Amino acid sequence: MAYQLENLVESIKSKVRALNPKKKKKPYIKMDKSSSVKVEIRSRKARMLIDKTLKVADHPGKRSIS
């Protein structure tokens, strides 16, 4: 009995989903990055490169650290 009820519920759910039209996503306008954001990104990349270089310098026997 429970199995039949579960099948009934699933079939009703699928029929309800089929009746609802797919919601269309609204298009958005992609904004350019501001100059301050570009500077922030560059400074983060530079900081990461510096940190990586310092880690390698701390371990002179190894070529790279992952």
N, C-alpha and C. Protein backbone atom coordinates (compact mmCIF):
# COMPACT_ATOMS: atom_id res chain seq x y z
N MET A 1 0.83 -1.20 0.00
CA MET A 1 0.00 0.00 0.00
C MET A 1 0.87 1.25 0.00
N ALA A 2 1.91 1.25 0.84
CA ALA A 2 2.80 2.41 0.93
C ALA A 2 3.53 2.64 -0.40
N TYR A 3 3.88 1.55 -1.06
CA TYR A 3 4.58 1.66 -2.34
C TYR A 3 3.68 2.32 -3.38
N GLN A 4 2.40 1.95 -3.40
CA GLN A 4 1.45 2.54 -4.35
C GLN A 4 1.25 4.02 -4.05
N LEU A 5 1.17 4.36 -2.78
CA LEU A 5 1.00 5.75 -2.38
C LEU A 5 2.21 6.58 -2.80
N GLU A 6 3.41 6.02 -2.63
CA GLU A 6 4.64 6.71 -3.02
C GLU A 6 4.66 6.95 -4.53
N ASN A 7 4.26 5.94 -5.31
CA ASN A 7 4.21 6.10 -6.77
C ASN A 7 3.19 7.16 -7.17
N LEU A 8 2.06 7.19 -6.50
CA LEU A 8 1.02 8.17 -6.78
C LEU A 8 1.52 9.59 -6.51
N VAL A 9 2.18 9.76 -5.37
CA VAL A 9 2.71 11.08 -5.01
C VAL A 9 3.75 11.52 -6.04
N GLU A 10 4.63 10.62 -6.43
CA GLU A 10 5.67 10.96 -7.42
C GLU A 10 5.05 11.33 -8.77
N SER A 11 4.03 10.61 -9.18
CA SER A 11 3.40 10.91 -10.47
C SER A 11 2.69 12.26 -10.41
N ILE A 12 2.05 12.57 -9.29
CA ILE A 12 1.40 13.88 -9.14
C ILE A 12 2.44 14.99 -9.18
N LYS A 13 3.56 14.79 -8.49
CA LYS A 13 4.62 15.78 -8.49
C LYS A 13 5.14 16.04 -9.90
N SER A 14 5.36 14.98 -10.64
CA SER A 14 5.90 15.14 -11.99
C SER A 14 4.89 15.84 -12.91
N LYS A 15 3.61 15.56 -12.72
CA LYS A 15 2.59 16.22 -13.54
C LYS A 15 2.49 17.71 -13.20
N VAL A 16 2.61 18.05 -11.92
CA VAL A 16 2.57 19.45 -11.51
C VAL A 16 3.78 20.19 -12.07
N ARG A 17 4.94 19.55 -12.01
CA ARG A 17 6.15 20.17 -12.57
C ARG A 17 5.99 20.40 -14.07
N ALA A 18 5.36 19.47 -14.76
CA ALA A 18 5.18 19.59 -16.21
C ALA A 18 4.22 20.72 -16.55
N LEU A 19 3.26 21.01 -15.68
CA LEU A 19 2.31 22.08 -15.95
C LEU A 19 2.93 23.46 -15.80
N ASN A 20 3.87 23.60 -14.87
CA ASN A 20 4.50 24.90 -14.65
C ASN A 20 5.51 25.18 -15.75
N PRO A 21 5.35 26.31 -16.44
CA PRO A 21 6.34 26.64 -17.48
C PRO A 21 7.68 26.97 -16.82
N LYS A 22 8.71 26.70 -17.56
CA LYS A 22 10.05 26.98 -17.03
C LYS A 22 10.20 28.49 -16.85
N LYS A 23 10.74 28.85 -15.71
CA LYS A 23 10.96 30.27 -15.46
C LYS A 23 12.16 30.72 -16.27
N LYS A 24 11.98 31.80 -17.00
CA LYS A 24 13.09 32.32 -17.79
C LYS A 24 13.93 33.22 -16.92
N LYS A 25 15.22 33.07 -17.05
CA LYS A 25 16.12 33.92 -16.29
C LYS A 25 16.17 35.28 -16.97
N LYS A 26 16.15 36.30 -16.15
CA LYS A 26 16.23 37.64 -16.70
C LYS A 26 17.66 37.92 -17.12
N PRO A 27 17.83 38.48 -18.30
CA PRO A 27 19.20 38.82 -18.71
C PRO A 27 19.74 39.94 -17.84
N TYR A 28 21.02 39.94 -17.63
CA TYR A 28 21.62 40.97 -16.82
C TYR A 28 22.71 41.67 -17.61
N ILE A 29 23.02 42.84 -17.20
CA ILE A 29 24.05 43.62 -17.86
C ILE A 29 25.36 43.38 -17.10
N LYS A 30 26.33 42.88 -17.82
CA LYS A 30 27.61 42.61 -17.18
C LYS A 30 28.36 43.93 -17.05
N MET A 31 28.75 44.23 -15.82
CA MET A 31 29.43 45.49 -15.57
C MET A 31 30.94 45.28 -15.63
N ASP A 32 31.64 46.29 -16.10
CA ASP A 32 33.09 46.24 -16.11
C ASP A 32 33.61 46.46 -14.70
N LYS A 33 34.79 45.93 -14.46
CA LYS A 33 35.39 46.12 -13.15
C LYS A 33 35.90 47.55 -13.04
N SER A 34 35.71 48.12 -11.87
CA SER A 34 36.20 49.47 -11.65
C SER A 34 37.72 49.42 -11.48
N SER A 35 38.35 50.55 -11.58
CA SER A 35 39.81 50.59 -11.49
C SER A 35 40.27 50.15 -10.10
N SER A 36 39.50 50.49 -9.06
CA SER A 36 39.91 50.08 -7.72
C SER A 36 39.83 48.56 -7.55
N VAL A 37 38.87 47.94 -8.19
CA VAL A 37 38.75 46.47 -8.12
C VAL A 37 39.92 45.84 -8.88
N LYS A 38 40.27 46.42 -10.02
CA LYS A 38 41.40 45.89 -10.80
C LYS A 38 42.70 45.99 -9.98
N VAL A 39 42.89 47.11 -9.30
CA VAL A 39 44.08 47.28 -8.46
C VAL A 39 44.08 46.27 -7.34
N GLU A 40 42.93 46.04 -6.73
CA GLU A 40 42.83 45.07 -5.64
C GLU A 40 43.18 43.67 -6.13
N ILE A 41 42.70 43.30 -7.30
CA ILE A 41 43.00 41.98 -7.86
C ILE A 41 44.49 41.84 -8.11
N ARG A 42 45.09 42.87 -8.70
CA ARG A 42 46.54 42.83 -8.97
C ARG A 42 47.33 42.73 -7.67
N SER A 43 46.91 43.46 -6.64
CA SER A 43 47.66 43.43 -5.38
C SER A 43 47.52 42.07 -4.70
N ARG A 44 46.37 41.44 -4.83
CA ARG A 44 46.19 40.10 -4.26
C ARG A 44 47.09 39.10 -4.98
N LYS A 45 47.13 39.19 -6.32
CA LYS A 45 47.98 38.28 -7.08
C LYS A 45 49.45 38.51 -6.73
N ALA A 46 49.84 39.77 -6.58
CA ALA A 46 51.21 40.08 -6.21
C ALA A 46 51.53 39.54 -4.83
N ARG A 47 50.59 39.69 -3.89
CA ARG A 47 50.80 39.20 -2.53
C ARG A 47 50.97 37.68 -2.54
N MET A 48 50.16 36.99 -3.33
CA MET A 48 50.25 35.53 -3.42
C MET A 48 51.60 35.11 -4.00
N LEU A 49 52.07 35.84 -5.02
CA LEU A 49 53.36 35.54 -5.63
C LEU A 49 54.49 35.77 -4.63
N ILE A 50 54.41 36.85 -3.87
CA ILE A 50 55.42 37.14 -2.85
C ILE A 50 55.43 36.04 -1.78
N ASP A 51 54.25 35.64 -1.32
CA ASP A 51 54.16 34.59 -0.31
C ASP A 51 54.76 33.28 -0.82
N LYS A 52 54.46 32.96 -2.06
CA LYS A 52 54.98 31.72 -2.65
C LYS A 52 56.51 31.80 -2.76
N THR A 53 57.01 32.95 -3.17
CA THR A 53 58.46 33.13 -3.29
C THR A 53 59.14 33.01 -1.93
N LEU A 54 58.53 33.59 -0.90
CA LEU A 54 59.10 33.51 0.44
C LEU A 54 59.12 32.08 0.97
N LYS A 55 58.06 31.31 0.67
CA LYS A 55 58.02 29.92 1.09
C LYS A 55 59.15 29.12 0.45
N VAL A 56 59.37 29.36 -0.85
CA VAL A 56 60.43 28.66 -1.56
C VAL A 56 61.79 29.09 -1.00
N ALA A 57 61.93 30.37 -0.68
CA ALA A 57 63.20 30.86 -0.13
C ALA A 57 63.46 30.28 1.25
N ASP A 58 62.43 29.97 2.01
CA ASP A 58 62.60 29.39 3.34
C ASP A 58 63.08 27.94 3.28
N HIS A 59 62.86 27.28 2.16
CA HIS A 59 63.27 25.89 1.98
C HIS A 59 64.22 25.82 0.78
N PRO A 60 65.50 26.17 0.95
CA PRO A 60 66.39 26.24 -0.21
C PRO A 60 66.67 24.90 -0.88
N GLY A 61 66.47 23.78 -0.18
CA GLY A 61 66.74 22.47 -0.77
C GLY A 61 65.67 22.03 -1.75
N LYS A 62 64.49 22.60 -1.64
CA LYS A 62 63.37 22.20 -2.50
C LYS A 62 63.14 23.27 -3.55
N ARG A 63 62.78 22.86 -4.75
CA ARG A 63 62.56 23.81 -5.85
C ARG A 63 61.21 24.48 -5.77
N SER A 64 60.18 23.73 -5.41
CA SER A 64 58.84 24.31 -5.34
C SER A 64 58.04 23.65 -4.22
N ILE A 65 57.06 24.40 -3.75
CA ILE A 65 56.17 23.89 -2.71
C ILE A 65 54.74 24.03 -3.22
N SER A 66 53.98 22.95 -3.10
CA SER A 66 52.59 23.00 -3.58
C SER A 66 51.67 23.35 -2.45
